[in-house]
């Protein structure tokens, strides 16, 4: 993958730069496996969604391109990280959850127990009734009260 680099143009859009200096873009990163293998399988697509380049392993990018790509992915693939579960409206579903995220307190509707997905290694994905996704990066890092509330929904 060292035959190209990624750079931002003057508008902050992601561009592919080939060794001869030719630029392709703007392109947008799209993860193939964003939850289970975020470092493997990424497509760079144009403004019409057509794949321009496939990157099988992001760890093989040069450091500058990797940093830039991760910054663009963070904006595109944003999922609020739950830091604490403050309260739940009921211990059956559907229920309204009030959580603290890295950007503040919010509420969302958990439709069913299936709306909590175990991603392995202590990670959970919780899906709001409207489709928005929240992530718990490490269940063990939650405070005791949050763990107790979460345990009521984990069977």
Protein backbone atom coordinates (compact mmCIF):
# COMPACT_ATOMS: atom_id res chain seq x y z
CA UNK A 1 0.00 0.00 0.00
CA UNK A 2 3.01 2.30 -0.06
CA UNK A 3 2.30 3.27 -3.70
CA UNK A 4 0.07 6.15 -2.64
CA UNK A 5 -0.56 8.55 0.20
CA UNK A 6 -3.64 10.31 1.49
CA UNK A 7 -3.78 14.09 1.87
CA UNK A 8 -6.40 16.76 2.45
CA UNK A 9 -6.98 19.37 -0.24
CA UNK A 10 -7.47 23.05 0.54
CA UNK A 11 -11.15 22.37 1.39
CA UNK A 12 -10.28 19.63 3.88
CA UNK A 13 -11.43 16.83 1.58
CA UNK A 14 -9.56 13.53 1.44
CA UNK A 15 -7.51 12.94 -1.72
CA UNK A 16 -5.47 9.95 -2.97
CA UNK A 17 -2.02 11.04 -4.13
CA UNK A 18 -0.16 8.61 -6.40
CA UNK A 19 3.66 8.50 -6.66
CA UNK A 20 3.60 10.58 -9.86
CA UNK A 21 1.75 13.34 -7.96
CA UNK A 22 -1.60 12.67 -9.65
CA UNK A 23 -4.51 13.25 -7.26
CA UNK A 24 -7.78 11.35 -7.21
CA UNK A 25 -10.72 12.50 -5.22
CA UNK A 26 -12.28 13.69 -3.17
CA UNK A 27 -12.87 10.28 -1.59
CA UNK A 28 -14.76 9.19 1.50
CA UNK A 29 -13.77 6.22 3.70
CA UNK A 30 -16.33 3.45 4.26
CA UNK A 31 -15.53 0.61 6.66
CA UNK A 32 -16.56 -2.88 5.61
CA UNK A 33 -16.44 -4.30 9.14
CA UNK A 34 -16.68 -1.28 11.46
CA UNK A 35 -17.67 -3.20 14.57
CA UNK A 36 -15.82 -6.48 14.49
CA UNK A 37 -12.59 -5.59 12.64
CA UNK A 38 -12.20 -1.82 12.30
CA UNK A 39 -8.62 -2.11 10.98
CA UNK A 40 -9.52 -4.50 8.17
CA UNK A 41 -11.36 -3.73 4.98
CA UNK A 42 -12.02 -0.16 3.97
CA UNK A 43 -13.25 1.28 0.70
CA UNK A 44 -12.49 4.76 -0.54
CA UNK A 45 -15.54 5.90 -2.51
CA UNK A 46 -16.23 8.96 -4.62
CA UNK A 47 -19.11 11.41 -4.12
CA UNK A 48 -21.43 9.00 -5.98
CA UNK A 49 -20.58 6.04 -3.75
CA UNK A 50 -18.47 4.29 -6.40
CA UNK A 51 -15.43 2.52 -5.01
CA UNK A 52 -12.18 4.14 -6.10
CA UNK A 53 -9.79 2.04 -3.99
CA UNK A 54 -9.96 -0.93 -1.62
CA UNK A 55 -7.67 -1.03 1.43
CA UNK A 56 -7.56 -4.54 2.93
CA UNK A 57 -5.45 -3.66 6.00
CA UNK A 58 -5.27 -0.14 7.45
CA UNK A 59 -2.27 -1.02 9.62
CA UNK A 60 -0.12 -1.10 6.46
CA UNK A 61 -0.69 2.57 5.60
CA UNK A 62 2.07 5.09 6.15
CA UNK A 63 1.66 6.86 9.53
CA UNK A 64 0.57 10.24 8.12
CA UNK A 65 -2.05 8.67 5.84
CA UNK A 66 -3.26 6.43 8.66
CA UNK A 67 -3.72 9.39 11.03
CA UNK A 68 -5.57 11.40 8.38
CA UNK A 69 -7.80 8.47 7.45
CA UNK A 70 -8.68 7.78 11.11
CA UNK A 71 -9.65 11.44 11.57
CA UNK A 72 -11.99 11.28 8.57
CA UNK A 73 -13.44 7.98 9.78
CA UNK A 74 -14.07 9.39 13.25
CA UNK A 75 -16.25 12.11 11.73
CA UNK A 76 -18.09 9.73 9.40
CA UNK A 77 -18.55 6.75 11.73
CA UNK A 78 -19.31 8.61 14.94
CA UNK A 79 -21.03 6.64 17.71
CA UNK A 80 -21.35 8.30 21.13
CA UNK A 81 -19.48 6.41 23.84
CA UNK A 82 -21.51 5.67 26.95
CA UNK A 83 -19.51 6.50 30.07
CA UNK A 84 -22.31 5.84 32.61
CA UNK A 85 -25.91 4.67 32.69
CA UNK A 86 -27.77 7.17 34.86
CA UNK A 87 -31.23 5.60 34.86
CA UNK A 88 -33.64 3.39 32.94
CA UNK A 89 -37.39 3.96 32.92
CA UNK A 90 -38.29 0.29 33.44
CA UNK A 91 -36.52 -3.05 33.63
CA UNK A 92 -38.50 -4.40 30.69
CA UNK A 93 -38.39 -3.24 27.11
CA UNK A 94 -39.11 -0.92 25.54
CA UNK A 95 -37.44 1.40 28.05
CA UNK A 96 -35.96 4.88 28.03
CA UNK A 97 -32.32 5.07 29.04
CA UNK A 98 -30.60 8.18 30.33
CA UNK A 99 -26.84 7.93 29.77
CA UNK A 100 -23.76 10.07 30.11
CA UNK A 101 -21.59 10.14 26.98
CA UNK A 102 -18.33 11.88 26.19
CA UNK A 103 -20.38 14.84 24.92
CA UNK A 104 -22.99 15.03 27.70
CA UNK A 105 -26.20 13.48 28.99
CA UNK A 106 -28.83 12.14 26.60
CA UNK A 107 -31.80 9.78 26.50
CA UNK A 108 -32.67 7.06 24.03
CA UNK A 109 -35.26 4.34 23.57
CA UNK A 110 -34.10 0.74 23.87
CA UNK A 111 -36.73 -1.22 21.93
CA UNK A 112 -35.75 -4.75 23.04
CA UNK A 113 -32.97 -6.77 24.64
CA UNK A 114 -31.80 -7.52 21.08
CA UNK A 115 -30.96 -3.80 20.82
CA UNK A 116 -27.88 -4.58 22.93
CA UNK A 117 -25.20 -6.33 20.88
CA UNK A 118 -22.09 -7.88 22.43
CA UNK A 119 -19.05 -7.08 20.27
CA UNK A 120 -16.60 -9.10 22.36
CA UNK A 121 -13.72 -7.95 24.56
CA UNK A 122 -16.14 -6.09 26.86
CA UNK A 123 -17.55 -3.89 24.08
CA UNK A 124 -21.29 -3.39 23.60
CA UNK A 125 -23.35 -1.69 20.92
CA UNK A 126 -26.72 -0.26 21.99
CA UNK A 127 -29.17 0.82 19.31
CA UNK A 128 -31.72 3.58 19.86
CA UNK A 129 -35.23 2.99 18.54
CA UNK A 130 -34.45 5.47 15.73
CA UNK A 131 -31.35 3.51 14.64
CA UNK A 132 -28.64 5.67 16.22
CA UNK A 133 -25.93 3.56 17.83
CA UNK A 134 -24.12 4.06 21.13
CA UNK A 135 -20.99 2.17 22.23
CA UNK A 136 -19.76 0.97 25.59
CA UNK A 137 -16.04 0.42 24.97
CA UNK A 138 -15.35 -1.46 28.22
CA UNK A 139 -18.12 -2.80 30.45
CA UNK A 140 -15.62 -3.37 33.27
CA UNK A 141 -14.77 0.36 33.30
CA UNK A 142 -18.36 1.36 34.10
CA UNK A 143 -19.26 2.38 37.64
CA UNK A 144 -21.07 -0.19 39.82
CA UNK A 145 -24.52 1.41 39.41
CA UNK A 146 -24.17 1.36 35.59
CA UNK A 147 -23.08 -2.29 35.68
CA UNK A 148 -26.12 -3.18 37.82
CA UNK A 149 -28.53 -1.42 35.47
CA UNK A 150 -26.92 -3.02 32.43
CA UNK A 151 -26.97 -6.51 34.00
CA UNK A 152 -30.79 -6.35 34.19
CA UNK A 153 -30.88 -6.35 30.37
CA UNK A 154 -28.09 -8.82 29.67
CA UNK A 155 -29.38 -12.37 29.68
